[in-house]
Protein backbone atom coordinates (compact mmCIF):
# COMPACT_ATOMS: atom_id res chain seq x y z
CA MET A 1 91.88 72.06 113.60
CA THR A 2 89.11 73.83 115.75
CA ARG A 3 86.14 71.26 116.01
CA THR A 4 82.75 72.78 115.92
CA ALA A 5 79.36 70.96 116.66
CA LEU A 6 75.93 71.72 117.58
CA THR A 7 75.01 69.99 120.84
CA HIS A 8 71.34 71.37 121.26
CA LEU A 9 68.91 72.87 118.97
CA THR A 10 65.70 74.40 119.74
CA LEU A 11 63.08 75.70 117.18
CA THR A 12 60.03 77.77 118.12
CA ASP A 13 57.35 78.78 115.44
CA PHE A 14 59.94 78.06 112.70
CA ARG A 15 58.25 76.84 109.36
CA SER A 16 56.26 73.67 110.21
CA TYR A 17 57.65 73.48 113.61
CA ALA A 18 55.56 74.90 116.47
CA LYS A 19 58.19 73.66 118.88
CA ALA A 20 61.11 71.24 118.40
CA GLU A 21 64.11 70.33 120.58
CA LEU A 22 67.03 68.12 119.89
CA ALA A 23 70.03 66.84 121.89
CA LEU A 24 72.85 66.31 119.65
CA ASP A 25 76.18 64.37 120.48
CA GLY A 26 78.30 66.26 117.86
CA ARG A 27 78.28 63.32 115.41
CA PRO A 28 76.78 63.52 111.83
CA VAL A 29 72.87 63.60 111.88
CA TRP A 30 70.67 62.15 109.33
CA LEU A 31 67.11 62.73 108.79
CA SER A 32 64.56 60.57 106.93
CA GLY A 33 60.97 61.09 106.17
CA PRO A 34 58.49 61.69 103.38
CA ASN A 35 58.56 64.80 101.24
CA GLY A 36 57.12 67.68 103.09
CA ALA A 37 57.66 66.32 106.59
CA GLY A 38 59.99 69.12 107.56
CA LYS A 39 63.42 67.64 107.00
CA THR A 40 64.54 70.69 104.94
CA ASN A 41 62.92 73.11 107.40
CA LEU A 42 65.20 71.81 110.13
CA LEU A 43 68.32 72.38 107.99
CA GLU A 44 66.97 75.73 107.15
CA ALA A 45 66.84 76.50 110.75
CA VAL A 46 70.35 75.63 111.42
CA SER A 47 71.34 77.75 108.40
CA PHE A 48 70.00 80.92 110.35
CA LEU A 49 72.62 80.26 112.90
CA ILE A 50 75.06 82.17 110.58
CA PRO A 51 74.73 85.54 109.07
CA GLY A 52 72.43 85.85 105.94
CA ARG A 53 69.19 84.64 104.76
CA GLY A 54 69.55 80.92 105.10
CA LEU A 55 69.98 78.12 102.62
CA ARG A 56 66.57 78.99 100.95
CA GLY A 57 67.40 82.71 100.64
CA SER A 58 64.04 83.40 102.42
CA GLY A 59 62.77 86.51 103.82
CA LEU A 60 62.62 86.82 107.61
CA ALA A 61 58.76 87.00 107.67
CA GLU A 62 58.53 83.79 105.40
CA VAL A 63 60.00 81.35 107.90
CA GLY A 64 57.74 82.18 110.72
CA ARG A 65 54.89 79.46 111.27
CA ARG A 66 51.66 80.54 109.79
CA LEU A 67 48.40 78.78 110.28
CA PRO A 68 45.51 79.10 107.73
CA GLY A 69 43.95 82.67 108.06
CA GLU A 70 47.07 84.14 109.48
CA PRO A 71 48.17 86.94 107.28
CA VAL A 72 51.94 86.86 108.31
CA GLY A 73 54.25 84.43 109.82
CA ARG A 74 54.60 84.41 113.45
CA ALA A 75 57.70 85.59 115.57
CA TRP A 76 60.04 82.73 115.51
CA ALA A 77 63.21 81.53 117.13
CA VAL A 78 66.18 79.28 116.58
CA ALA A 79 68.51 78.70 119.72
CA ALA A 80 71.57 76.32 119.90
CA VAL A 81 74.34 75.37 121.98
CA ILE A 82 77.55 75.40 119.84
CA ALA A 83 80.68 73.60 121.10
CA VAL A 84 83.99 74.65 119.86
CA ASP A 85 86.65 72.35 121.05
CA GLY A 86 84.41 71.29 123.82
CA GLU A 87 83.65 74.94 124.97
CA GLU A 88 80.01 75.57 124.74
CA THR A 89 78.38 78.90 123.78
CA GLN A 90 74.62 79.63 123.68
CA VAL A 91 73.53 81.44 120.55
CA GLY A 92 69.93 82.31 119.35
CA THR A 93 68.33 84.31 116.64
CA GLY A 94 64.82 85.10 115.43
CA LEU A 95 62.02 87.79 115.25
CA THR A 96 60.75 89.24 118.49
CA GLU A 97 57.65 90.19 116.89
CA ALA A 98 55.71 89.00 113.75
CA GLY A 99 56.82 91.10 110.58
CA ALA A 100 59.93 92.71 112.13
CA ALA A 101 62.33 94.02 109.53
CA ARG A 102 65.52 92.69 111.34
CA ARG A 103 66.19 89.66 113.22
CA THR A 104 67.59 89.73 116.80
CA VAL A 105 70.77 87.67 117.47
CA ARG A 106 71.94 86.90 121.09
CA ILE A 107 75.18 85.17 122.18
CA GLU A 108 75.19 84.13 125.87
CA GLY A 109 72.08 86.22 126.18
CA GLU A 110 73.69 89.32 125.10
CA PRO A 111 72.43 91.09 121.87
CA VAL A 112 74.95 91.27 119.19
CA PRO A 113 75.14 92.19 115.57
CA PRO A 114 74.35 89.12 113.17
CA GLY A 115 77.99 89.04 111.68
CA ARG A 116 79.08 87.97 115.29
CA LEU A 117 77.58 84.41 114.39
CA ALA A 118 80.37 83.82 112.14
CA ASP A 119 82.80 83.86 115.20
CA HIS A 120 81.41 80.63 116.32
CA GLN A 121 80.67 78.53 113.45
CA ARG A 122 80.83 78.37 109.60
CA GLN A 123 78.55 76.37 107.32
CA VAL A 124 78.84 74.82 103.90
CA TRP A 125 75.67 73.49 102.19
CA LEU A 126 74.17 71.90 99.21
CA THR A 127 70.58 71.70 98.26
CA PRO A 128 68.47 70.40 95.42
CA ALA A 129 68.14 73.87 93.91
CA GLN A 130 71.93 73.87 93.10
CA ASP A 131 71.54 70.63 91.04
CA ARG A 132 71.25 72.67 87.72
CA LEU A 133 74.23 74.94 88.73
CA PHE A 134 76.09 74.36 85.51
CA LEU A 135 72.91 74.69 83.42
CA GLU A 136 71.63 77.89 84.76
CA GLY A 137 72.90 81.51 84.35
CA ALA A 138 76.13 82.98 85.66
CA ALA A 139 74.42 84.62 88.67
CA ASP A 140 73.74 81.23 90.27
CA ARG A 141 77.40 80.21 89.99
CA ARG A 142 78.53 83.40 91.39
CA ARG A 143 76.19 82.99 94.35
CA PHE A 144 77.51 79.46 94.81
CA LEU A 145 81.04 80.54 94.75
CA ASP A 146 80.48 83.42 97.02
CA ARG A 147 78.94 80.97 99.65
CA LEU A 148 82.14 79.09 99.57
CA VAL A 149 84.19 82.35 100.01
CA PHE A 150 81.94 83.47 102.80
CA ALA A 151 82.52 80.27 104.76
CA ALA A 152 86.28 80.97 104.76
CA GLU A 153 85.96 84.88 104.88
CA PRO A 154 83.07 86.03 106.49
CA ALA A 155 83.77 89.65 105.62
CA HIS A 156 83.11 88.72 102.06
CA ALA A 157 79.47 88.95 102.51
CA VAL A 158 79.84 92.51 103.76
CA HIS A 159 81.81 93.42 100.58
CA VAL A 160 79.32 91.94 98.36
CA ALA A 161 76.49 93.69 99.97
CA ALA A 162 78.12 97.03 99.73
CA TYR A 163 78.88 96.43 96.07
CA GLU A 164 75.31 95.35 95.22
CA LYS A 165 73.85 98.38 97.12
CA ALA A 166 76.19 100.88 95.35
CA LEU A 167 75.50 99.14 91.89
CA ARG A 168 71.83 99.44 92.37
CA GLU A 169 72.19 103.16 93.34
CA ARG A 170 74.42 103.99 90.56
CA LEU A 171 71.98 102.39 87.89
CA LYS A 172 69.12 104.18 89.31
CA LEU A 173 70.84 107.46 89.02
CA LEU A 174 71.87 106.51 85.35
CA THR A 175 68.49 105.42 84.20
CA GLU A 176 66.05 107.71 86.29
CA GLY A 177 68.29 110.78 87.13
CA PRO A 178 69.33 113.00 88.12
CA ALA A 179 72.78 111.68 86.91
CA ASP A 180 74.79 114.02 89.30
CA PRO A 181 78.53 113.45 88.27
CA ALA A 182 79.73 114.10 91.86
CA TRP A 183 77.27 111.39 93.27
CA LEU A 184 78.24 108.93 90.62
CA ASP A 185 81.85 109.52 91.28
CA ALA A 186 81.38 108.69 94.89
CA LEU A 187 79.34 105.46 94.02
CA GLU A 188 81.92 104.35 91.53
CA ALA A 189 84.57 104.73 94.13
CA ARG A 190 82.63 102.46 96.62
CA LEU A 191 82.20 99.98 93.63
CA ALA A 192 85.79 99.92 92.96
CA GLU A 193 86.82 99.29 96.52
CA ALA A 194 84.14 96.69 97.21
CA GLY A 195 84.66 95.15 93.79
CA ALA A 196 88.35 94.79 94.32
CA LEU A 197 87.98 93.03 97.54
CA MET A 198 85.22 90.77 95.90
CA ALA A 199 87.49 89.70 92.99
CA ALA A 200 90.49 89.14 95.09
CA ALA A 201 88.52 86.96 97.65
CA ARG A 202 87.14 84.79 94.97
CA ALA A 203 90.41 84.38 93.30
CA ARG A 204 91.95 83.30 96.72
CA THR A 205 89.31 80.89 97.32
CA LEU A 206 89.41 79.28 93.93
CA ALA A 207 93.16 79.01 94.10
CA ALA A 208 92.77 77.23 97.56
CA LEU A 209 90.21 74.89 96.17
CA GLN A 210 92.24 73.96 93.28
CA VAL A 211 95.27 73.01 95.46
CA GLU A 212 92.84 71.01 97.67
CA ILE A 213 91.33 69.25 94.81
CA ASP A 214 94.50 68.43 93.19
CA GLY A 215 95.90 66.88 96.26
CA ARG A 216 93.24 64.70 97.22
CA GLY A 217 94.31 61.77 94.95
CA GLU A 218 92.24 58.83 93.89
CA ARG A 219 88.57 59.48 95.00
CA PRO A 220 85.19 58.50 93.72
CA PHE A 221 84.21 62.16 93.05
CA PRO A 222 85.43 63.55 89.80
CA ALA A 223 88.28 66.10 90.01
CA ALA A 224 87.77 69.45 88.46
CA ASN A 225 89.68 72.06 86.93
CA LEU A 226 88.44 75.62 88.16
CA SER A 227 88.84 79.05 86.68
CA LEU A 228 87.03 82.50 86.87
CA THR A 229 86.07 84.41 83.79
CA GLY A 230 85.83 88.11 83.74
CA GLU A 231 88.35 90.98 83.55
CA TRP A 232 88.46 91.76 87.19
CA GLU A 233 88.67 88.15 88.39
CA ALA A 234 91.46 87.57 85.77
CA LEU A 235 93.42 90.71 87.19
CA ALA A 236 93.20 89.14 90.73
CA THR A 237 93.97 85.55 89.47
CA GLY A 238 97.05 87.04 87.66
CA GLY A 239 98.46 88.58 90.86
CA ALA A 240 97.18 92.13 90.61
CA ASP A 241 96.82 93.64 94.18
CA LEU A 242 93.78 95.38 95.40
CA ALA A 243 95.05 98.86 94.65
CA GLU A 244 95.63 97.98 91.08
CA ILE A 245 92.17 96.40 90.64
CA GLU A 246 90.54 99.42 92.23
CA ALA A 247 92.47 101.96 90.14
CA ARG A 248 91.16 100.28 87.04
CA LEU A 249 87.72 99.51 87.98
CA GLY A 250 86.66 102.96 89.04
CA PRO A 251 87.58 104.62 85.66
CA ALA A 252 86.08 101.72 83.77
CA LEU A 253 82.80 102.25 85.44
CA LYS A 254 83.07 106.06 84.82
CA ALA A 255 83.83 105.41 81.19
CA GLY A 256 80.74 103.07 80.78
CA ARG A 257 78.12 105.42 82.07
CA ASP A 258 76.65 106.20 78.65
CA ARG A 259 76.76 102.58 77.65
CA ASP A 260 75.21 101.39 80.91
CA THR A 261 72.47 104.03 80.78
CA ALA A 262 71.51 102.84 77.13
CA ALA A 263 71.57 99.16 78.27
CA GLY A 264 69.72 99.64 81.37
CA ARG A 265 72.27 97.55 83.29
CA SER A 266 75.79 97.83 84.45
CA LEU A 267 78.10 95.91 81.97
CA THR A 268 81.34 95.92 83.72
CA GLY A 269 82.56 94.71 87.21
CA PRO A 270 82.77 91.39 89.18
CA HIS A 271 79.05 91.10 89.05
CA ARG A 272 79.74 89.97 85.48
CA GLY A 273 82.14 87.20 86.17
CA ASP A 274 81.50 83.43 86.09
CA LEU A 275 82.88 80.29 87.70
CA MET A 276 84.12 77.69 85.11
CA VAL A 277 84.49 74.02 85.99
CA ILE A 278 85.97 71.45 83.76
CA HIS A 279 85.73 67.77 84.38
CA ALA A 280 89.44 67.05 84.67
CA GLU A 281 89.54 63.34 83.50
CA LYS A 282 87.29 64.03 80.65
CA ASP A 283 88.41 67.45 79.77
CA ARG A 284 84.76 68.61 79.19
CA PRO A 285 82.94 71.41 80.61
CA ALA A 286 80.71 70.54 83.58
CA ALA A 287 77.48 71.79 81.60
CA GLU A 288 78.42 68.85 78.92
CA CYS A 289 78.57 66.14 81.61
CA SER A 290 75.88 63.84 82.73
CA THR A 291 73.62 64.72 85.53
CA GLY A 292 75.27 62.39 87.97
CA GLU A 293 78.79 63.83 87.01
CA GLN A 294 77.47 67.27 87.54
CA LYS A 295 76.11 66.46 91.00
CA ALA A 296 79.37 64.67 91.82
CA LEU A 297 81.35 67.70 90.67
CA ILE A 298 79.37 70.20 92.72
CA LEU A 299 79.71 67.93 95.93
CA ASN A 300 83.35 67.68 95.25
CA LEU A 301 83.73 71.45 95.51
CA VAL A 302 81.67 71.52 98.68
CA LEU A 303 83.96 68.63 100.19
CA ALA A 304 87.03 70.45 99.09
CA GLN A 305 86.02 73.67 100.70
CA SER A 306 84.95 71.76 103.97
CA ALA A 307 88.23 69.92 104.11
CA ARG A 308 90.37 73.00 103.93
CA LEU A 309 88.30 74.80 106.41
CA ALA A 310 88.31 71.77 108.76
CA LEU A 311 92.08 71.77 108.65
CA ALA A 312 92.62 75.45 109.25
CA PRO A 313 94.08 76.27 112.59
CA ASP A 314 92.59 79.70 113.04
CA ALA A 315 88.75 79.18 112.24
CA PRO A 316 85.94 76.89 113.31
CA SER A 317 85.42 73.76 111.43
CA PRO A 318 82.45 73.99 109.21
CA ILE A 319 79.15 72.32 109.75
CA LEU A 320 77.76 70.69 106.56
CA LEU A 321 74.12 70.89 105.42
CA LEU A 322 73.34 68.29 102.75
CA ASP A 323 69.86 68.31 101.56
CA GLU A 324 68.64 65.22 99.52
CA VAL A 325 72.36 64.56 98.51
CA ALA A 326 72.57 60.81 99.39
CA ALA A 327 69.66 59.91 97.13
CA HIS A 328 71.57 61.10 94.08
CA LEU A 329 74.66 59.09 94.73
CA ASP A 330 75.31 55.42 94.05
CA SER A 331 76.19 53.16 97.07
CA GLY A 332 79.97 53.56 96.53
CA ARG A 333 79.96 57.42 96.32
CA ARG A 334 77.42 57.44 99.22
CA ALA A 335 79.91 55.35 101.53
CA ALA A 336 82.72 57.68 100.31
CA LEU A 337 80.84 60.76 101.30
CA PHE A 338 80.12 59.35 104.80
CA ASP A 339 83.72 58.18 105.21
CA GLU A 340 84.95 61.61 104.19
CA ILE A 341 82.73 63.47 106.69
CA GLU A 342 83.97 61.18 109.49
CA ALA A 343 87.50 61.36 108.67
CA LEU A 344 87.32 65.18 108.57
CA GLY A 345 85.54 65.30 112.12
CA LEU A 346 82.68 67.32 110.72
CA GLN A 347 79.20 67.44 111.95
CA ALA A 348 76.90 67.10 108.96
CA PHE A 349 73.12 67.18 108.70
CA LEU A 350 72.00 65.01 105.89
CA THR A 351 68.35 64.41 104.68
CA GLY A 352 66.60 61.73 102.56
CA THR A 353 63.50 59.91 102.22
CA ASP A 354 64.55 56.37 102.99
CA ASP A 355 66.59 55.04 105.97
CA HIS A 356 68.49 52.76 103.68
CA LEU A 357 70.27 55.77 102.18
CA PHE A 358 72.16 55.95 105.53
CA GLU A 359 73.08 52.36 106.21
CA ALA A 360 76.61 52.97 105.86
CA LEU A 361 76.48 55.48 108.65
CA ALA A 362 75.17 52.80 111.18
CA GLY A 363 76.85 53.31 114.43
CA ARG A 364 78.57 56.45 113.71
CA ALA A 365 75.83 59.12 113.25
CA GLN A 366 72.58 60.10 115.01
CA GLY A 367 69.32 59.07 113.07
CA LEU A 368 66.05 60.87 113.30
CA ARG A 369 62.82 60.07 111.55
CA VAL A 370 60.63 63.13 110.76
CA ASP A 371 56.92 62.92 109.91
CA ALA A 372 53.71 64.68 110.79
CA SER A 373 53.97 63.61 114.54
CA GLY A 374 57.49 65.30 114.82
CA LEU A 375 61.08 64.08 115.29
CA ALA A 376 61.90 60.62 116.67
CA PRO A 377 65.07 58.59 116.92
CA ALA A 378 65.60 56.24 114.13
């Protein structure tokens, strides 16, 4: 296990924070305070310490602090000291000027591509926006699964981005023209390559998650049976290699040009798959379970991925970001969640509106109160 933790965090002009600085000791951190005080903003700042758009999926200009009358958010910065098995590295990211299209990333003061952030830490998170995961459309579940895949395989994000870009360009050619066959062939080749990599990574992650869940024994979180729907995910799950998936996906896209043109959307590919979750004990789809059971199932997936990453010998352990999760758990499950975080040796950031939600963490976590005046030890 390669233990990863933040030991220092600094925010400048990020969301509601003009300036905030936290000294952290590597233990879990809980933040309590009223709604709107800035708890989620702090978690979002931490989420920008990996590649991507953060846990809210926000644009870079959105997260800069903006006072009344200011047309755009200010330039902002998030800096941290990350300790990996005790060895500290300084990282930072942000916009050097308001409205910039790209964020700057520095590691030990040197500019680097954002993807390099994944070399130093991974993150897994759960937010209130995911509470309706099993009731919303398949796109939300694909994004949720892709976040879990990305935590284990950072290159997955590159493949997803390449696939989605080629998919948009292909559809534009089909619907707006000119539908140049040579250019469509090239785009479909890109789609086939990236799509095969996506489907295979999703299948690997789901198989590993199922093994982890099945081996976790008696726990207060409901076990789940996981599967992927969709032709390409089925091929990957069934053992097809990348070459076979790619060789079948490219011709399928080509054969579907007329159909996709008429439909105004692409009707085949891994962007059409879905994550299926069955409550194992009740043998019922998650969508048919109670709200509490659904939340517990989602949390179990997050914990299973965190556990397998924490025990991986060749990757940094994940940092958990759990926004308003404790409030939705009874006292038994809440205590079990805290016990599991501690047993795995993970640093986690948890938010809630009341201190009492974190009573079971007394003596084994840092507590912070967040209100209009700022941050203070609990």
